[in-house]
């Protein structure tokens, strides 16, 4: 029997994935200092909502500091905070 596909199912799946991510982030924030918290590439892709190619470009351009162990790429949470702070542009009031 074919599985029924509906657009709302895709939306609910995306919401569930995001919720799981936020729960994971909350656990990280409660348990460890950002200096010693490590995120993997999948975390970064989801956090910034970027593609793997964009993440690779950011690494190659020196925007995103990283650590590589064999083929696995990791990021320090403190470095991610620094990237966000360095690229933050507050809105200008007129």
PDB file of N, CA and C in Angstrom:
ATOM      1  N   UNK A   1       0.851  -1.173   0.000  1.00  0.00           N
ATOM      2  CA  UNK A   1       0.000   0.000   0.000  1.00  0.00           C
ATOM      3  C   UNK A   1       0.900   1.241   0.000  1.00  0.00           C
ATOM      4  N   UNK A   2       0.562   2.212  -0.830  1.00  0.00           N
ATOM      5  CA  UNK A   2       1.363   3.429  -0.950  1.00  0.00           C
ATOM      6  C   UNK A   2       1.157   4.331   0.265  1.00  0.00           C
ATOM      7  N   UNK A   3       2.250   4.997   0.660  1.00  0.00           N
ATOM      8  CA  UNK A   3       2.176   5.917   1.784  1.00  0.00           C
ATOM      9  C   UNK A   3       1.554   7.231   1.329  1.00  0.00           C
ATOM     10  N   UNK A   4       0.623   7.746   2.101  1.00  0.00           N
ATOM     11  CA  UNK A   4      -0.050   8.994   1.779  1.00  0.00           C
ATOM     12  C   UNK A   4       0.896  10.159   2.056  1.00  0.00           C
ATOM     13  N   UNK A   5       1.126  10.980   1.037  1.00  0.00           N
ATOM     14  CA  UNK A   5       2.003  12.140   1.202  1.00  0.00           C
ATOM     15  C   UNK A   5       1.152  13.400   1.171  1.00  0.00           C
ATOM     16  N   UNK A   6       1.422  14.254   2.098  1.00  0.00           N
ATOM     17  CA  UNK A   6       0.695  15.516   2.199  1.00  0.00           C
ATOM     18  C   UNK A   6       1.693  16.588   2.604  1.00  0.00           C
ATOM     19  N   UNK A   7       1.551  17.800   2.084  1.00  0.00           N
ATOM     20  CA  UNK A   7       2.510  18.867   2.424  1.00  0.00           C
ATOM     21  C   UNK A   7       2.642  19.112   3.925  1.00  0.00           C
ATOM     22  N   UNK A   8       1.567  18.903   4.655  1.00  0.00           N
ATOM     23  CA  UNK A   8       1.648  19.148   6.105  1.00  0.00           C
ATOM     24  C   UNK A   8       2.583  18.151   6.781  1.00  0.00           C
ATOM     25  N   UNK A   9       2.680  16.937   6.221  1.00  0.00           N
ATOM     26  CA  UNK A   9       3.600  15.947   6.795  1.00  0.00           C
ATOM     27  C   UNK A   9       5.044  16.431   6.705  1.00  0.00           C
ATOM     28  N   UNK A  10       5.399  17.025   5.559  1.00  0.00           N
ATOM     29  CA  UNK A  10       6.756  17.568   5.399  1.00  0.00           C
ATOM     30  C   UNK A  10       7.003  18.712   6.376  1.00  0.00           C
ATOM     31  N   UNK A  11       6.009  19.561   6.540  1.00  0.00           N
ATOM     32  CA  UNK A  11       6.137  20.686   7.476  1.00  0.00           C
ATOM     33  C   UNK A  11       6.309  20.192   8.898  1.00  0.00           C
ATOM     34  N   UNK A  12       5.524  19.212   9.276  1.00  0.00           N
ATOM     35  CA  UNK A  12       5.631  18.667  10.636  1.00  0.00           C
ATOM     36  C   UNK A  12       6.984  17.993  10.856  1.00  0.00           C
ATOM     37  N   UNK A  13       7.483  17.330   9.835  1.00  0.00           N
ATOM     38  CA  UNK A  13       8.796  16.694   9.953  1.00  0.00           C
ATOM     39  C   UNK A  13       9.879  17.752  10.168  1.00  0.00           C
ATOM     40  N   UNK A  14       9.810  18.859   9.417  1.00  0.00           N
ATOM     41  CA  UNK A  14      10.799  19.933   9.567  1.00  0.00           C
ATOM     42  C   UNK A  14      10.706  20.582  10.947  1.00  0.00           C
ATOM     43  N   UNK A  15       9.495  20.783  11.416  1.00  0.00           N
ATOM     44  CA  UNK A  15       9.313  21.365  12.745  1.00  0.00           C
ATOM     45  C   UNK A  15       9.877  20.431  13.797  1.00  0.00           C
ATOM     46  N   UNK A  16       9.630  19.136  13.656  1.00  0.00           N
ATOM     47  CA  UNK A  16      10.142  18.163  14.614  1.00  0.00           C
ATOM     48  C   UNK A  16      11.668  18.141  14.613  1.00  0.00           C
ATOM     49  N   UNK A  17      12.288  18.203  13.443  1.00  0.00           N
ATOM     50  CA  UNK A  17      13.751  18.223  13.359  1.00  0.00           C
ATOM     51  C   UNK A  17      14.313  19.470  14.027  1.00  0.00           C
ATOM     52  N   UNK A  18      13.691  20.598  13.780  1.00  0.00           N
ATOM     53  CA  UNK A  18      14.153  21.856  14.392  1.00  0.00           C
ATOM     54  C   UNK A  18      13.994  21.810  15.907  1.00  0.00           C
ATOM     55  N   UNK A  19      12.884  21.253  16.369  1.00  0.00           N
ATOM     56  CA  UNK A  19      12.638  21.131  17.799  1.00  0.00           C
ATOM     57  C   UNK A  19      13.684  20.229  18.462  1.00  0.00           C
ATOM     58  N   UNK A  20      13.996  19.115  17.824  1.00  0.00           N
ATOM     59  CA  UNK A  20      15.033  18.236  18.360  1.00  0.00           C
ATOM     60  C   UNK A  20      16.373  18.968  18.433  1.00  0.00           C
ATOM     61  N   UNK A  21      16.661  19.770  17.414  1.00  0.00           N
ATOM     62  CA  UNK A  21      17.895  20.536  17.406  1.00  0.00           C
ATOM     63  C   UNK A  21      17.926  21.536  18.560  1.00  0.00           C
ATOM     64  N   UNK A  22      16.820  22.246  18.765  1.00  0.00           N
ATOM     65  CA  UNK A  22      16.768  23.237  19.839  1.00  0.00           C
ATOM     66  C   UNK A  22      16.908  22.580  21.208  1.00  0.00           C
ATOM     67  N   UNK A  23      16.323  21.413  21.368  1.00  0.00           N
ATOM     68  CA  UNK A  23      16.466  20.681  22.629  1.00  0.00           C
ATOM     69  C   UNK A  23      17.931  20.297  22.840  1.00  0.00           C
ATOM     70  N   UNK A  24      18.570  19.846  21.782  1.00  0.00           N
ATOM     71  CA  UNK A  24      19.991  19.492  21.862  1.00  0.00           C
ATOM     72  C   UNK A  24      20.825  20.710  22.245  1.00  0.00           C
ATOM     73  N   UNK A  25      20.533  21.851  21.631  1.00  0.00           N
ATOM     74  CA  UNK A  25      21.261  23.074  21.936  1.00  0.00           C
ATOM     75  C   UNK A  25      21.041  23.498  23.382  1.00  0.00           C
ATOM     76  N   UNK A  26      19.833  23.354  23.873  1.00  0.00           N
ATOM     77  CA  UNK A  26      19.534  23.721  25.256  1.00  0.00           C
ATOM     78  C   UNK A  26      20.335  22.857  26.222  1.00  0.00           C
ATOM     79  N   UNK A  27      20.454  21.576  25.917  1.00  0.00           N
ATOM     80  CA  UNK A  27      21.258  20.679  26.766  1.00  0.00           C
ATOM     81  C   UNK A  27      22.717  21.107  26.758  1.00  0.00           C
ATOM     82  N   UNK A  28      23.212  21.500  25.590  1.00  0.00           N
ATOM     83  CA  UNK A  28      24.597  21.971  25.480  1.00  0.00           C
ATOM     84  C   UNK A  28      24.788  23.217  26.329  1.00  0.00           C
ATOM     85  N   UNK A  29      23.873  24.167  26.218  1.00  0.00           N
ATOM     86  CA  UNK A  29      23.993  25.425  26.953  1.00  0.00           C
ATOM     87  C   UNK A  29      23.977  25.214  28.461  1.00  0.00           C
ATOM     88  N   UNK A  30      23.243  24.238  28.917  1.00  0.00           N
ATOM     89  CA  UNK A  30      23.136  23.992  30.350  1.00  0.00           C
ATOM     90  C   UNK A  30      24.306  23.207  30.913  1.00  0.00           C
ATOM     91  N   UNK A  31      24.994  22.449  30.088  1.00  0.00           N
ATOM     92  CA  UNK A  31      25.994  21.508  30.597  1.00  0.00           C
ATOM     93  C   UNK A  31      27.441  21.935  30.430  1.00  0.00           C
ATOM     94  N   UNK A  32      27.744  22.744  29.435  1.00  0.00           N
ATOM     95  CA  UNK A  32      29.144  22.990  29.144  1.00  0.00           C
ATOM     96  C   UNK A  32      29.416  24.449  28.808  1.00  0.00           C
ATOM     97  N   UNK A  33      30.663  24.807  29.003  1.00  0.00           N
ATOM     98  CA  UNK A  33      31.140  26.118  28.573  1.00  0.00           C
ATOM     99  C   UNK A  33      31.250  26.112  27.049  1.00  0.00           C
ATOM    100  N   UNK A  34      30.957  27.234  26.380  1.00  0.00           N
ATOM    101  CA  UNK A  34      31.064  27.284  24.918  1.00  0.00           C
ATOM    102  C   UNK A  34      32.466  26.960  24.406  1.00  0.00           C
ATOM    103  N   UNK A  35      33.472  27.236  25.206  1.00  0.00           N
ATOM    104  CA  UNK A  35      34.848  26.967  24.784  1.00  0.00           C
ATOM    105  C   UNK A  35      35.083  25.477  24.551  1.00  0.00           C
ATOM    106  N   UNK A  36      34.379  24.627  25.288  1.00  0.00           N
ATOM    107  CA  UNK A  36      34.607  23.184  25.200  1.00  0.00           C
ATOM    108  C   UNK A  36      33.455  22.436  24.549  1.00  0.00           C
ATOM    109  N   UNK A  37      32.514  23.165  23.980  1.00  0.00           N
ATOM    110  CA  UNK A  37      31.396  22.532  23.290  1.00  0.00           C
ATOM    111  C   UNK A  37      31.731  22.438  21.811  1.00  0.00           C
ATOM    112  N   UNK A  38      31.578  21.243  21.265  1.00  0.00           N
ATOM    113  CA  UNK A  38      31.913  20.993  19.870  1.00  0.00           C
ATOM    114  C   UNK A  38      30.639  20.676  19.095  1.00  0.00           C
ATOM    115  N   UNK A  39      30.504  21.317  17.933  1.00  0.00           N
ATOM    116  CA  UNK A  39      29.393  21.050  17.029  1.00  0.00           C
ATOM    117  C   UNK A  39      29.947  20.393  15.776  1.00  0.00           C
ATOM    118  N   UNK A  40      29.151  19.542  15.140  1.00  0.00           N
ATOM    119  CA  UNK A  40      29.626  18.965  13.890  1.00  0.00           C
ATOM    120  C   UNK A  40      29.063  19.748  12.708  1.00  0.00           C
ATOM    121  N   UNK A  41      29.451  19.353  11.518  1.00  0.00           N
ATOM    122  CA  UNK A  41      29.055  20.092  10.326  1.00  0.00           C
ATOM    123  C   UNK A  41      27.538  20.124  10.159  1.00  0.00           C
ATOM    124  N   UNK A  42      26.869  19.018  10.462  1.00  0.00           N
ATOM    125  CA  UNK A  42      25.402  18.968  10.339  1.00  0.00           C
ATOM    126  C   UNK A  42      24.749  20.003  11.253  1.00  0.00           C
ATOM    127  N   UNK A  43      25.297  20.174  12.446  1.00  0.00           N
ATOM    128  CA  UNK A  43      24.765  21.186  13.371  1.00  0.00           C
ATOM    129  C   UNK A  43      24.880  22.587  12.766  1.00  0.00           C
ATOM    130  N   UNK A  44      26.017  22.874  12.153  1.00  0.00           N
ATOM    131  CA  UNK A  44      26.257  24.194  11.573  1.00  0.00           C
ATOM    132  C   UNK A  44      25.331  24.439  10.382  1.00  0.00           C
ATOM    133  N   UNK A  45      25.157  23.420   9.552  1.00  0.00           N
ATOM    134  CA  UNK A  45      24.267  23.559   8.393  1.00  0.00           C
ATOM    135  C   UNK A  45      22.852  23.890   8.853  1.00  0.00           C
ATOM    136  N   UNK A  46      22.418  23.216   9.893  1.00  0.00           N
ATOM    137  CA  UNK A  46      21.071  23.451  10.399  1.00  0.00           C
ATOM    138  C   UNK A  46      20.970  24.787  11.139  1.00  0.00           C
ATOM    139  N   UNK A  47      21.979  25.113  11.895  1.00  0.00           N
ATOM    140  CA  UNK A  47      21.960  26.354  12.661  1.00  0.00           C
ATOM    141  C   UNK A  47      21.880  27.576  11.751  1.00  0.00           C
ATOM    142  N   UNK A  48      22.735  27.616  10.734  1.00  0.00           N
ATOM    143  CA  UNK A  48      22.774  28.758   9.829  1.00  0.00           C
ATOM    144  C   UNK A  48      21.838  28.606   8.625  1.00  0.00           C
ATOM    145  N   UNK A  49      21.245  27.419   8.492  1.00  0.00           N
ATOM    146  CA  UNK A  49      20.364  27.126   7.346  1.00  0.00           C
ATOM    147  C   UNK A  49      21.112  27.369   6.040  1.00  0.00           C
ATOM    148  N   UNK A  50      22.287  26.718   5.934  1.00  0.00           N
ATOM    149  CA  UNK A  50      23.130  26.842   4.748  1.00  0.00           C
ATOM    150  C   UNK A  50      23.387  25.456   4.172  1.00  0.00           C
ATOM    151  N   UNK A  51      23.926  25.433   2.960  1.00  0.00           N
ATOM    152  CA  UNK A  51      24.276  24.169   2.325  1.00  0.00           C
ATOM    153  C   UNK A  51      25.695  23.767   2.726  1.00  0.00           C
ATOM    154  N   UNK A  52      26.030  22.525   2.444  1.00  0.00           N
ATOM    155  CA  UNK A  52      27.385  22.043   2.724  1.00  0.00           C
ATOM    156  C   UNK A  52      28.408  22.834   1.907  1.00  0.00           C
ATOM    157  N   UNK A  53      28.048  23.216   0.691  1.00  0.00           N
ATOM    158  CA  UNK A  53      28.948  24.002  -0.158  1.00  0.00           C
ATOM    159  C   UNK A  53      29.222  25.369   0.451  1.00  0.00           C
ATOM    160  N   UNK A  54      28.191  26.015   0.995  1.00  0.00           N
ATOM    161  CA  UNK A  54      28.378  27.315   1.637  1.00  0.00           C
ATOM    162  C   UNK A  54      29.289  27.176   2.855  1.00  0.00           C
ATOM    163  N   UNK A  55      29.073  26.144   3.657  1.00  0.00           N
ATOM    164  CA  UNK A  55      29.932  25.913   4.825  1.00  0.00           C
ATOM    165  C   UNK A  55      31.377  25.708   4.382  1.00  0.00           C
ATOM    166  N   UNK A  56      31.576  24.953   3.314  1.00  0.00           N
ATOM    167  CA  UNK A  56      32.920  24.720   2.783  1.00  0.00           C
ATOM    168  C   UNK A  56      33.563  26.020   2.323  1.00  0.00           C
ATOM    169  N   UNK A  57      32.788  26.863   1.648  1.00  0.00           N
ATOM    170  CA  UNK A  57      33.294  28.163   1.189  1.00  0.00           C
ATOM    171  C   UNK A  57      33.678  29.029   2.378  1.00  0.00           C
ATOM    172  N   UNK A  58      32.835  29.061   3.406  1.00  0.00           N
ATOM    173  CA  UNK A  58      33.135  29.851   4.606  1.00  0.00           C
ATOM    174  C   UNK A  58      34.417  29.364   5.265  1.00  0.00           C
ATOM    175  N   UNK A  59      34.619  28.032   5.301  1.00  0.00           N
ATOM    176  CA  UNK A  59      35.858  27.492   5.884  1.00  0.00           C
ATOM    177  C   UNK A  59      37.059  27.897   5.037  1.00  0.00           C
ATOM    178  N   UNK A  60      36.940  27.735   3.728  1.00  0.00           N
ATOM    179  CA  UNK A  60      38.053  28.055   2.822  1.00  0.00           C
ATOM    180  C   UNK A  60      38.392  29.536   2.831  1.00  0.00           C
ATOM    181  N   UNK A  61      37.394  30.379   3.024  1.00  0.00           N
ATOM    182  CA  UNK A  61      37.613  31.833   3.067  1.00  0.00           C
ATOM    183  C   UNK A  61      38.071  32.308   4.442  1.00  0.00           C
ATOM    184  N   UNK A  62      38.170  31.406   5.400  1.00  0.00           N
ATOM    185  CA  UNK A  62      38.625  31.771   6.739  1.00  0.00           C
ATOM    186  C   UNK A  62      37.548  32.413   7.595  1.00  0.00           C
ATOM    187  N   UNK A  63      36.307  32.364   7.163  1.00  0.00           N
ATOM    188  CA  UNK A  63      35.201  32.953   7.925  1.00  0.00           C
ATOM    189  C   UNK A  63      34.839  32.071   9.109  1.00  0.00           C
ATOM    190  N   UNK A  64      34.898  30.775   8.892  1.00  0.00           N
ATOM    191  CA  UNK A  64      34.434  29.809   9.881  1.00  0.00           C
ATOM    192  C   UNK A  64      35.593  28.921  10.335  1.00  0.00           C
ATOM    193  N   UNK A  65      36.137  29.165  11.538  1.00  0.00           N
ATOM    194  CA  UNK A  65      37.218  28.312  12.043  1.00  0.00           C
ATOM    195  C   UNK A  65      36.699  26.894  12.283  1.00  0.00           C
ATOM    196  N   UNK A  66      37.550  25.904  12.038  1.00  0.00           N
ATOM    197  CA  UNK A  66      37.110  24.515  12.201  1.00  0.00           C
ATOM    198  C   UNK A  66      38.272  23.615  12.575  1.00  0.00           C
ATOM    199  N   UNK A  67      37.895  22.408  12.938  1.00  0.00           N
ATOM    200  CA  UNK A  67      38.847  21.358  13.281  1.00  0.00           C
ATOM    201  C   UNK A  67      38.447  20.154  12.464  1.00  0.00           C
ATOM    202  N   UNK A  68      39.410  19.471  11.872  1.00  0.00           N
ATOM    203  CA  UNK A  68      39.087  18.305  11.065  1.00  0.00           C
ATOM    204  C   UNK A  68      39.842  17.098  11.585  1.00  0.00           C
ATOM    205  N   UNK A  69      39.095  16.026  11.825  1.00  0.00           N
ATOM    206  CA  UNK A  69      39.668  14.745  12.220  1.00  0.00           C
ATOM    207  C   UNK A  69      39.279  13.763  11.127  1.00  0.00           C
ATOM    208  N   UNK A  70      40.274  13.361  10.345  1.00  0.00           N
ATOM    209  CA  UNK A  70      40.055  12.561   9.133  1.00  0.00           C
ATOM    210  C   UNK A  70      39.061  13.298   8.252  1.00  0.00           C
ATOM    211  N   UNK A  71      37.906  12.727   7.970  1.00  0.00           N
ATOM    212  CA  UNK A  71      36.954  13.410   7.079  1.00  0.00           C
ATOM    213  C   UNK A  71      35.841  14.127   7.841  1.00  0.00           C
ATOM    214  N   UNK A  72      35.882  14.081   9.162  1.00  0.00           N
ATOM    215  CA  UNK A  72      34.837  14.695   9.991  1.00  0.00           C
ATOM    216  C   UNK A  72      35.252  16.107  10.386  1.00  0.00           C
ATOM    217  N   UNK A  73      34.318  17.052  10.237  1.00  0.00           N
ATOM    218  CA  UNK A  73      34.599  18.457  10.536  1.00  0.00           C
ATOM    219  C   UNK A  73      33.828  18.872  11.781  1.00  0.00           C
ATOM    220  N   UNK A  74      34.518  19.591  12.675  1.00  0.00           N
ATOM    221  CA  UNK A  74      33.932  20.058  13.926  1.00  0.00           C
ATOM    222  C   UNK A  74      34.189  21.548  14.100  1.00  0.00           C
ATOM    223  N   UNK A  75      33.348  22.173  14.933  1.00  0.00           N
ATOM    224  CA  UNK A  75      33.470  23.606  15.229  1.00  0.00           C
ATOM    225  C   UNK A  75      33.326  23.809  16.720  1.00  0.00           C
ATOM    226  N   UNK A  76      34.101  24.738  17.267  1.00  0.00           N
ATOM    227  CA  UNK A  76      33.933  25.113  18.671  1.00  0.00           C
ATOM    228  C   UNK A  76      32.789  26.121  18.748  1.00  0.00           C
ATOM    229  N   UNK A  77      31.908  25.912  19.703  1.00  0.00           N
ATOM    230  CA  UNK A  77      30.771  26.808  19.870  1.00  0.00           C
ATOM    231  C   UNK A  77      31.239  28.240  20.118  1.00  0.00           C
ATOM    232  N   UNK A  78      32.326  28.397  20.853  1.00  0.00           N
ATOM    233  CA  UNK A  78      32.846  29.747  21.112  1.00  0.00           C
ATOM    234  C   UNK A  78      33.274  30.425  19.815  1.00  0.00           C
ATOM    235  N   UNK A  79      33.834  29.672  18.864  1.00  0.00           N
ATOM    236  CA  UNK A  79      34.205  30.252  17.567  1.00  0.00           C
ATOM    237  C   UNK A  79      32.968  30.677  16.780  1.00  0.00           C
ATOM    238  N   UNK A  80      31.911  29.906  16.885  1.00  0.00           N
ATOM    239  CA  UNK A  80      30.664  30.246  16.192  1.00  0.00           C
ATOM    240  C   UNK A  80      30.099  31.538  16.764  1.00  0.00           C
ATOM    241  N   UNK A  81      30.142  31.677  18.095  1.00  0.00           N
ATOM    242  CA  UNK A  81      29.698  32.924  18.732  1.00  0.00           C
ATOM    243  C   UNK A  81      30.526  34.100  18.217  1.00  0.00           C
ATOM    244  N   UNK A  82      31.834  33.910  18.088  1.00  0.00           N
ATOM    245  CA  UNK A  82      32.711  34.977  17.598  1.00  0.00           C
ATOM    246  C   UNK A  82      32.385  35.365  16.157  1.00  0.00           C
ATOM    247  N   UNK A  83      32.083  34.379  15.315  1.00  0.00           N
ATOM    248  CA  UNK A  83      31.717  34.656  13.926  1.00  0.00           C
ATOM    249  C   UNK A  83      30.425  35.464  13.884  1.00  0.00           C
ATOM    250  N   UNK A  84      29.467  35.074  14.698  1.00  0.00           N
ATOM    251  CA  UNK A  84      28.192  35.803  14.749  1.00  0.00           C
ATOM    252  C   UNK A  84      28.421  37.235  15.215  1.00  0.00           C
ATOM    253  N   UNK A  85      29.184  37.403  16.288  1.00  0.00           N
ATOM    254  CA  UNK A  85      29.451  38.747  16.812  1.00  0.00           C
ATOM    255  C   UNK A  85      30.203  39.615  15.802  1.00  0.00           C
ATOM    256  N   UNK A  86      31.166  39.038  15.117  1.00  0.00           N
ATOM    257  CA  UNK A  86      31.968  39.788  14.159  1.00  0.00           C
ATOM    258  C   UNK A  86      31.172  40.229  12.935  1.00  0.00           C
ATOM    259  N   UNK A  87      30.115  39.499  12.618  1.00  0.00           N
ATOM    260  CA  UNK A  87      29.338  39.808  11.425  1.00  0.00           C
ATOM    261  C   UNK A  87      27.984  40.428  11.741  1.00  0.00           C
ATOM    262  N   UNK A  88      27.765  40.768  12.996  1.00  0.00           N
ATOM    263  CA  UNK A  88      26.488  41.350  13.417  1.00  0.00           C
ATOM    264  C   UNK A  88      26.427  42.804  12.982  1.00  0.00           C
ATOM    265  N   UNK A  89      25.351  43.165  12.314  1.00  0.00           N
ATOM    266  CA  UNK A  89      25.122  44.541  11.874  1.00  0.00           C
ATOM    267  C   UNK A  89      23.786  45.000  12.464  1.00  0.00           C
ATOM    268  N   UNK A  90      23.830  45.788  13.533  1.00  0.00           N
ATOM    269  CA  UNK A  90      22.560  46.235  14.121  1.00  0.00           C
ATOM    270  C   UNK A  90      21.819  47.157  13.154  1.00  0.00           C
ATOM    271  N   UNK A  91      20.512  47.157  13.286  1.00  0.00           N
ATOM    272  CA  UNK A  91      19.726  48.033  12.407  1.00  0.00           C
ATOM    273  C   UNK A  91      20.012  49.485  12.760  1.00  0.00           C
ATOM    274  N   UNK A  92      19.982  50.297  11.754  1.00  0.00           N
ATOM    275  CA  UNK A  92      20.254  51.721  11.932  1.00  0.00           C
ATOM    276  C   UNK A  92      18.925  52.459  12.006  1.00  0.00           C
ATOM    277  N   UNK A  93      18.765  53.237  13.055  1.00  0.00           N
ATOM    278  CA  UNK A  93      17.537  54.020  13.184  1.00  0.00           C
ATOM    279  C   UNK A  93      17.688  55.311  12.405  1.00  0.00           C
ATOM    280  N   UNK A  94      16.598  55.715  11.800  1.00  0.00           N
ATOM    281  CA  UNK A  94      16.616  56.954  11.000  1.00  0.00           C
ATOM    282  C   UNK A  94      16.105  58.110  11.797  1.00  0.00           C
TER     283      UNK A  94
END
